[in-house]
Amino acid sequence: ELSYEQYDAAIRLADRCRSQFADVLANVDVLIAPSSPGEAPQGLHSTGDSVMNRVWTLLHPPCVTIPVATGPQGLPLGVQIVGRIGADAQTLACAHRLHQVLRDL
């Protein structure tokens, strides 16, 4: 229940954040962030809690989740590899390499 002015201000803020996101990644290839607050849910009824992805949905960078461990129920725990806006191929390459390194540990 936002007024038009509030909605418009939120859209403009999101646009400013997108334009400044490149500065956040200026000295790194990708960010590594949790993909969820816990392990994957059992079954196919849900993809889980989206709290860790909402900022990336707002900012529009490429994101790839890779499994890195298993939780108490034996289900996957993952991390997100987040790249620069428009750098999809580089983000996928970094995620692939990181997955290989972690798999071989």
N, C-alpha and C. Protein backbone atom coordinates (compact mmCIF):
# COMPACT_ATOMS: atom_id res chain seq x y z
N GLU A 1 0.82 -1.17 0.00
CA GLU A 1 0.00 0.00 0.00
C GLU A 1 0.87 1.25 0.00
N LEU A 2 1.51 1.48 -1.14
CA LEU A 2 2.36 2.66 -1.29
C LEU A 2 1.67 3.70 -2.14
N SER A 3 1.97 4.92 -1.86
CA SER A 3 1.50 5.98 -2.75
C SER A 3 2.35 5.95 -4.02
N TYR A 4 1.86 6.58 -5.05
CA TYR A 4 2.65 6.66 -6.28
C TYR A 4 4.01 7.29 -6.01
N GLU A 5 4.05 8.33 -5.20
CA GLU A 5 5.30 9.02 -4.89
C GLU A 5 6.28 8.08 -4.18
N GLN A 6 5.79 7.27 -3.24
CA GLN A 6 6.65 6.32 -2.54
C GLN A 6 7.17 5.24 -3.50
N TYR A 7 6.28 4.74 -4.34
CA TYR A 7 6.68 3.73 -5.33
C TYR A 7 7.73 4.30 -6.27
N ASP A 8 7.49 5.49 -6.78
CA ASP A 8 8.43 6.14 -7.69
C ASP A 8 9.78 6.37 -7.01
N ALA A 9 9.78 6.79 -5.76
CA ALA A 9 11.03 6.99 -5.02
C ALA A 9 11.78 5.66 -4.85
N ALA A 10 11.06 4.59 -4.59
CA ALA A 10 11.69 3.27 -4.44
C ALA A 10 12.30 2.81 -5.76
N ILE A 11 11.62 3.04 -6.86
CA ILE A 11 12.15 2.67 -8.18
C ILE A 11 13.41 3.48 -8.49
N ARG A 12 13.40 4.77 -8.19
CA ARG A 12 14.58 5.61 -8.42
C ARG A 12 15.74 5.18 -7.54
N LEU A 13 15.47 4.80 -6.29
CA LEU A 13 16.52 4.31 -5.40
C LEU A 13 17.12 3.01 -5.94
N ALA A 14 16.29 2.11 -6.39
CA ALA A 14 16.79 0.85 -6.96
C ALA A 14 17.67 1.13 -8.18
N ASP A 15 17.27 2.05 -9.03
CA ASP A 15 18.09 2.43 -10.19
C ASP A 15 19.45 2.99 -9.77
N ARG A 16 19.45 3.83 -8.74
CA ARG A 16 20.73 4.38 -8.25
C ARG A 16 21.62 3.27 -7.68
N CYS A 17 21.01 2.37 -6.95
CA CYS A 17 21.79 1.25 -6.39
C CYS A 17 22.39 0.39 -7.49
N ARG A 18 21.63 0.12 -8.56
CA ARG A 18 22.15 -0.65 -9.69
C ARG A 18 23.34 0.07 -10.32
N SER A 19 23.22 1.36 -10.49
CA SER A 19 24.31 2.10 -11.13
C SER A 19 25.55 2.16 -10.25
N GLN A 20 25.39 2.08 -8.93
CA GLN A 20 26.53 2.11 -8.02
C GLN A 20 27.09 0.72 -7.71
N PHE A 21 26.39 -0.33 -8.11
CA PHE A 21 26.83 -1.69 -7.80
C PHE A 21 28.18 -2.00 -8.43
N ALA A 22 28.47 -1.45 -9.59
CA ALA A 22 29.77 -1.67 -10.22
C ALA A 22 30.90 -1.21 -9.31
N ASP A 23 30.70 -0.13 -8.58
CA ASP A 23 31.73 0.35 -7.64
C ASP A 23 32.00 -0.67 -6.53
N VAL A 24 30.95 -1.37 -6.10
CA VAL A 24 31.10 -2.38 -5.05
C VAL A 24 32.03 -3.49 -5.51
N LEU A 25 31.94 -3.84 -6.79
CA LEU A 25 32.74 -4.93 -7.34
C LEU A 25 34.00 -4.45 -8.05
N ALA A 26 34.38 -3.22 -7.86
CA ALA A 26 35.49 -2.63 -8.61
C ALA A 26 36.79 -3.42 -8.47
N ASN A 27 37.08 -3.96 -7.30
CA ASN A 27 38.36 -4.62 -7.07
C ASN A 27 38.25 -6.13 -6.89
N VAL A 28 37.10 -6.69 -7.24
CA VAL A 28 36.91 -8.14 -7.13
C VAL A 28 36.24 -8.67 -8.40
N ASP A 29 36.43 -9.96 -8.63
CA ASP A 29 35.77 -10.58 -9.79
C ASP A 29 34.31 -10.88 -9.51
N VAL A 30 34.04 -11.43 -8.34
CA VAL A 30 32.68 -11.78 -7.93
C VAL A 30 32.55 -11.65 -6.42
N LEU A 31 31.32 -11.60 -5.95
CA LEU A 31 31.02 -11.69 -4.52
C LEU A 31 30.57 -13.13 -4.24
N ILE A 32 30.86 -13.60 -3.05
CA ILE A 32 30.35 -14.89 -2.60
C ILE A 32 29.45 -14.59 -1.40
N ALA A 33 28.22 -15.06 -1.48
CA ALA A 33 27.22 -14.77 -0.45
C ALA A 33 26.41 -16.03 -0.16
N PRO A 34 25.84 -16.13 1.03
CA PRO A 34 24.96 -17.27 1.31
C PRO A 34 23.79 -17.29 0.33
N SER A 35 23.37 -18.47 -0.07
CA SER A 35 22.22 -18.56 -0.97
C SER A 35 20.91 -18.72 -0.22
N SER A 36 21.00 -19.15 1.04
CA SER A 36 19.81 -19.30 1.87
C SER A 36 20.23 -19.33 3.33
N PRO A 37 19.28 -19.19 4.24
CA PRO A 37 19.64 -19.22 5.66
C PRO A 37 19.89 -20.63 6.20
N GLY A 38 19.73 -21.64 5.37
CA GLY A 38 19.95 -23.01 5.81
C GLY A 38 19.98 -23.96 4.63
N GLU A 39 19.85 -25.23 4.93
CA GLU A 39 19.91 -26.22 3.85
C GLU A 39 18.64 -26.17 3.00
N ALA A 40 18.73 -26.79 1.84
CA ALA A 40 17.59 -26.84 0.92
C ALA A 40 16.41 -27.54 1.59
N PRO A 41 15.19 -27.13 1.22
CA PRO A 41 14.02 -27.82 1.79
C PRO A 41 13.86 -29.20 1.15
N GLN A 42 13.26 -30.11 1.90
CA GLN A 42 12.99 -31.44 1.37
C GLN A 42 11.84 -31.38 0.39
N GLY A 43 11.92 -32.17 -0.67
CA GLY A 43 10.84 -32.26 -1.64
C GLY A 43 10.86 -31.14 -2.66
N LEU A 44 9.83 -31.11 -3.47
CA LEU A 44 9.75 -30.14 -4.56
C LEU A 44 8.67 -29.09 -4.34
N HIS A 45 8.10 -29.03 -3.14
CA HIS A 45 7.01 -28.10 -2.87
C HIS A 45 7.47 -26.65 -2.71
N SER A 46 8.78 -26.45 -2.47
CA SER A 46 9.27 -25.09 -2.24
C SER A 46 10.74 -25.00 -2.64
N THR A 47 11.15 -23.83 -3.06
CA THR A 47 12.58 -23.60 -3.34
C THR A 47 13.28 -23.03 -2.12
N GLY A 48 12.54 -22.80 -1.05
CA GLY A 48 13.14 -22.31 0.19
C GLY A 48 12.94 -20.82 0.39
N ASP A 49 13.56 -20.32 1.43
CA ASP A 49 13.45 -18.91 1.83
C ASP A 49 14.26 -18.04 0.87
N SER A 50 13.64 -17.01 0.34
CA SER A 50 14.29 -16.14 -0.65
C SER A 50 15.00 -14.94 -0.04
N VAL A 51 15.09 -14.88 1.28
CA VAL A 51 15.62 -13.69 1.94
C VAL A 51 17.03 -13.33 1.46
N MET A 52 17.86 -14.31 1.15
CA MET A 52 19.24 -14.03 0.73
C MET A 52 19.35 -13.63 -0.74
N ASN A 53 18.29 -13.80 -1.52
CA ASN A 53 18.34 -13.47 -2.95
C ASN A 53 17.65 -12.16 -3.31
N ARG A 54 16.90 -11.62 -2.41
CA ARG A 54 16.07 -10.46 -2.76
C ARG A 54 16.88 -9.27 -3.24
N VAL A 55 18.00 -9.02 -2.60
CA VAL A 55 18.82 -7.87 -3.02
C VAL A 55 19.34 -8.08 -4.44
N TRP A 56 19.69 -9.33 -4.78
CA TRP A 56 20.21 -9.59 -6.13
C TRP A 56 19.09 -9.48 -7.17
N THR A 57 17.89 -9.87 -6.79
CA THR A 57 16.75 -9.69 -7.69
C THR A 57 16.53 -8.21 -7.97
N LEU A 58 16.67 -7.39 -6.96
CA LEU A 58 16.50 -5.95 -7.11
C LEU A 58 17.61 -5.34 -7.98
N LEU A 59 18.85 -5.80 -7.77
CA LEU A 59 19.99 -5.17 -8.45
C LEU A 59 20.24 -5.71 -9.87
N HIS A 60 19.76 -6.91 -10.18
CA HIS A 60 19.87 -7.53 -11.51
C HIS A 60 21.26 -8.05 -11.89
N PRO A 61 22.15 -8.38 -10.97
CA PRO A 61 23.42 -8.97 -11.40
C PRO A 61 23.22 -10.45 -11.70
N PRO A 62 24.15 -11.05 -12.44
CA PRO A 62 24.08 -12.50 -12.63
C PRO A 62 24.45 -13.21 -11.33
N CYS A 63 23.72 -14.27 -11.01
CA CYS A 63 23.95 -15.05 -9.78
C CYS A 63 23.91 -16.53 -10.12
N VAL A 64 24.80 -17.27 -9.50
CA VAL A 64 24.83 -18.72 -9.66
C VAL A 64 24.97 -19.32 -8.26
N THR A 65 24.14 -20.28 -7.93
CA THR A 65 24.29 -20.97 -6.66
C THR A 65 24.99 -22.29 -6.89
N ILE A 66 26.00 -22.55 -6.06
CA ILE A 66 26.70 -23.84 -6.13
C ILE A 66 26.61 -24.51 -4.76
N PRO A 67 26.51 -25.84 -4.75
CA PRO A 67 26.49 -26.56 -3.48
C PRO A 67 27.90 -26.60 -2.89
N VAL A 68 27.99 -26.40 -1.57
CA VAL A 68 29.32 -26.42 -0.93
C VAL A 68 29.39 -27.39 0.24
N ALA A 69 28.25 -27.82 0.74
CA ALA A 69 28.24 -28.73 1.88
C ALA A 69 26.84 -29.33 1.99
N THR A 70 26.63 -30.12 3.04
CA THR A 70 25.30 -30.61 3.33
C THR A 70 24.93 -30.23 4.76
N GLY A 71 23.64 -30.06 4.97
CA GLY A 71 23.15 -29.67 6.28
C GLY A 71 22.80 -30.86 7.14
N PRO A 72 22.17 -30.61 8.28
CA PRO A 72 21.85 -31.67 9.24
C PRO A 72 20.96 -32.77 8.66
N GLN A 73 20.12 -32.44 7.68
CA GLN A 73 19.23 -33.43 7.06
C GLN A 73 19.86 -34.09 5.84
N GLY A 74 21.14 -33.75 5.58
CA GLY A 74 21.82 -34.31 4.41
C GLY A 74 21.48 -33.61 3.11
N LEU A 75 20.80 -32.47 3.18
CA LEU A 75 20.43 -31.72 1.99
C LEU A 75 21.46 -30.62 1.74
N PRO A 76 21.55 -30.15 0.50
CA PRO A 76 22.61 -29.21 0.14
C PRO A 76 22.55 -27.87 0.85
N LEU A 77 23.73 -27.34 1.11
CA LEU A 77 23.94 -25.95 1.52
C LEU A 77 24.69 -25.30 0.37
N GLY A 78 24.28 -24.11 -0.01
CA GLY A 78 24.92 -23.48 -1.16
C GLY A 78 25.40 -22.08 -0.88
N VAL A 79 26.22 -21.60 -1.80
CA VAL A 79 26.63 -20.20 -1.81
C VAL A 79 26.30 -19.63 -3.18
N GLN A 80 26.05 -18.34 -3.20
CA GLN A 80 25.79 -17.65 -4.45
C GLN A 80 27.06 -16.96 -4.92
N ILE A 81 27.31 -17.07 -6.18
CA ILE A 81 28.38 -16.34 -6.83
C ILE A 81 27.68 -15.20 -7.56
N VAL A 82 28.01 -13.96 -7.20
CA VAL A 82 27.33 -12.78 -7.74
C VAL A 82 28.34 -11.97 -8.52
N GLY A 83 28.03 -11.69 -9.78
CA GLY A 83 28.95 -10.95 -10.64
C GLY A 83 28.49 -9.56 -10.97
N ARG A 84 29.27 -8.93 -11.80
CA ARG A 84 28.92 -7.59 -12.28
C ARG A 84 27.73 -7.66 -13.25
N ILE A 85 26.92 -6.65 -13.23
CA ILE A 85 25.81 -6.58 -14.16
C ILE A 85 26.37 -6.62 -15.58
N GLY A 86 25.87 -7.57 -16.37
CA GLY A 86 26.33 -7.74 -17.74
C GLY A 86 27.50 -8.69 -17.90
N ALA A 87 28.06 -9.18 -16.80
CA ALA A 87 29.23 -10.07 -16.86
C ALA A 87 28.80 -11.51 -16.60
N ASP A 88 27.80 -11.96 -17.31
CA ASP A 88 27.25 -13.30 -17.09
C ASP A 88 28.29 -14.39 -17.33
N ALA A 89 29.01 -14.32 -18.45
CA ALA A 89 29.98 -15.36 -18.78
C ALA A 89 31.09 -15.43 -17.74
N GLN A 90 31.59 -14.32 -17.31
CA GLN A 90 32.64 -14.30 -16.29
C GLN A 90 32.12 -14.87 -14.96
N THR A 91 30.89 -14.52 -14.61
CA THR A 91 30.30 -15.02 -13.38
C THR A 91 30.15 -16.53 -13.44
N LEU A 92 29.66 -17.05 -14.56
CA LEU A 92 29.53 -18.50 -14.72
C LEU A 92 30.88 -19.19 -14.66
N ALA A 93 31.89 -18.59 -15.28
CA ALA A 93 33.23 -19.18 -15.26
C ALA A 93 33.79 -19.22 -13.84
N CYS A 94 33.62 -18.16 -13.09
CA CYS A 94 34.09 -18.12 -11.70
C CYS A 94 33.34 -19.16 -10.86
N ALA A 95 32.04 -19.28 -11.06
CA ALA A 95 31.25 -20.26 -10.30
C ALA A 95 31.71 -21.67 -10.64
N HIS A 96 31.96 -21.93 -11.90
CA HIS A 96 32.42 -23.25 -12.32
C HIS A 96 33.77 -23.58 -11.69
N ARG A 97 34.68 -22.64 -11.72
CA ARG A 97 36.01 -22.88 -11.15
C ARG A 97 35.93 -23.08 -9.63
N LEU A 98 35.16 -22.26 -8.96
CA LEU A 98 35.01 -22.40 -7.52
C LEU A 98 34.38 -23.75 -7.17
N HIS A 99 33.38 -24.16 -7.95
CA HIS A 99 32.75 -25.46 -7.72
C HIS A 99 33.78 -26.58 -7.88
N GLN A 100 34.63 -26.50 -8.89
CA GLN A 100 35.67 -27.52 -9.08
C GLN A 100 36.63 -27.56 -7.89
N VAL A 101 37.07 -26.41 -7.44
CA VAL A 101 38.02 -26.34 -6.32
C VAL A 101 37.40 -26.91 -5.05
N LEU A 102 36.18 -26.51 -4.74
CA LEU A 102 35.53 -26.98 -3.53
C LEU A 102 35.19 -28.48 -3.59
N ARG A 103 34.84 -28.95 -4.77
CA ARG A 103 34.53 -30.37 -4.95
C ARG A 103 35.75 -31.25 -4.69
N ASP A 104 36.94 -30.73 -5.02
CA ASP A 104 38.16 -31.50 -4.88
C ASP A 104 38.78 -31.43 -3.49
N LEU A 105 38.19 -30.68 -2.57
CA LEU A 105 38.73 -30.59 -1.21
C LEU A 105 38.47 -31.85 -0.41
